[in-house]
Amino acid sequence: MSEYIDLLQWPAMAVTLFGAYWLASGRPERRMFGFWMMVLSNLMWIAWGWSDEAWALVLLQVGLMALNVRGILKNEHEAHR
């Protein structure tokens, strides 16, 4: 099982880059997609960090996920103005 978790870092990295690309969009719906991709990447990094006992990485990803959720809420609010 740990072999599969070790492989998780590569798709997590790809999802992070993919999400960051969409976050830079000027369109709210594309930014929203980017935020959700970033939340997915946060969860992937948390799973990988937990299995590797990389606690600083886990805490970083929890903090970044909170910021991404904040971004989702702000983006949603701006889209309805």
Protein backbone atom coordinates (compact mmCIF):
# COMPACT_ATOMS: atom_id res chain seq x y z
CA MET A 1 0.00 0.00 0.00
CA SER A 2 2.80 2.45 0.82
CA GLU A 3 4.17 2.00 -2.71
CA TYR A 4 0.91 3.38 -4.09
CA ILE A 5 0.91 6.25 -1.60
CA ASP A 6 4.49 7.08 -2.65
CA LEU A 7 3.27 7.39 -6.24
CA LEU A 8 0.58 9.86 -5.12
CA GLN A 9 3.10 12.71 -5.05
CA TRP A 10 3.28 12.79 -8.86
CA PRO A 11 -0.43 13.24 -9.60
CA ALA A 12 -0.62 15.62 -6.62
CA MET A 13 2.07 17.75 -8.22
CA ALA A 14 0.28 17.69 -11.59
CA VAL A 15 -3.09 18.62 -10.03
CA THR A 16 -1.41 21.48 -8.13
CA LEU A 17 0.04 22.92 -11.34
CA PHE A 18 -3.23 22.39 -13.21
CA GLY A 19 -5.18 24.15 -10.45
CA ALA A 20 -2.71 27.03 -10.26
CA TYR A 21 -3.07 27.58 -14.00
CA TRP A 22 -6.86 27.95 -13.69
CA LEU A 23 -6.59 30.18 -10.61
CA ALA A 24 -4.95 32.82 -12.79
CA SER A 25 -8.04 33.08 -15.00
CA GLY A 26 -10.01 36.29 -15.11
CA ARG A 27 -13.29 34.35 -15.34
CA PRO A 28 -14.92 33.39 -12.01
CA GLU A 29 -16.07 29.95 -13.19
CA ARG A 30 -12.55 29.04 -14.29
CA ARG A 31 -11.10 30.33 -11.02
CA MET A 32 -13.67 28.23 -9.15
CA PHE A 33 -12.48 25.15 -11.03
CA GLY A 34 -8.90 26.07 -10.10
CA PHE A 35 -9.79 26.40 -6.42
CA TRP A 36 -11.45 22.98 -6.42
CA MET A 37 -8.41 21.47 -8.14
CA MET A 38 -6.23 23.02 -5.45
CA VAL A 39 -8.44 21.52 -2.71
CA LEU A 40 -8.06 18.14 -4.41
CA SER A 41 -4.30 18.59 -4.52
CA ASN A 42 -4.29 19.61 -0.83
CA LEU A 43 -6.06 16.36 0.05
CA MET A 44 -3.62 14.36 -2.07
CA TRP A 45 -0.62 16.04 -0.43
CA ILE A 46 -2.12 15.47 3.02
CA ALA A 47 -2.51 11.75 2.27
CA TRP A 48 1.05 11.54 1.00
CA GLY A 49 2.48 13.60 3.87
CA TRP A 50 0.57 11.62 6.47
CA SER A 51 1.91 8.31 5.18
CA ASP A 52 5.44 9.72 5.13
CA GLU A 53 5.01 11.39 8.53
CA ALA A 54 5.84 14.74 6.95
CA TRP A 55 3.90 16.72 9.53
CA ALA A 56 5.03 20.16 8.39
CA LEU A 57 3.76 19.37 4.90
CA VAL A 58 0.46 18.11 6.31
CA LEU A 59 -0.02 21.30 8.35
CA LEU A 60 0.96 23.45 5.37
CA GLN A 61 -1.63 21.71 3.20
CA VAL A 62 -4.33 22.11 5.85
CA GLY A 63 -3.57 25.84 5.96
CA LEU A 64 -3.53 26.12 2.17
CA MET A 65 -6.79 24.20 1.95
CA ALA A 66 -8.38 26.70 4.35
CA LEU A 67 -7.18 29.51 2.07
CA ASN A 68 -8.56 27.70 -0.97
CA VAL A 69 -11.95 27.28 0.71
CA ARG A 70 -11.84 31.00 1.51
CA GLY A 71 -11.08 31.64 -2.16
CA ILE A 72 -14.05 29.50 -3.20
CA LEU A 73 -16.38 31.46 -0.91
CA LYS A 74 -15.04 34.86 -2.04
CA ASN A 75 -15.15 33.85 -5.70
CA GLU A 76 -18.73 32.63 -5.27
CA HIS A 77 -19.69 35.92 -3.62
CA GLU A 78 -18.07 37.98 -6.39
CA ALA A 79 -19.74 35.91 -9.10
CA HIS A 80 -23.17 36.75 -7.66
CA ARG A 81 -22.59 40.52 -7.50
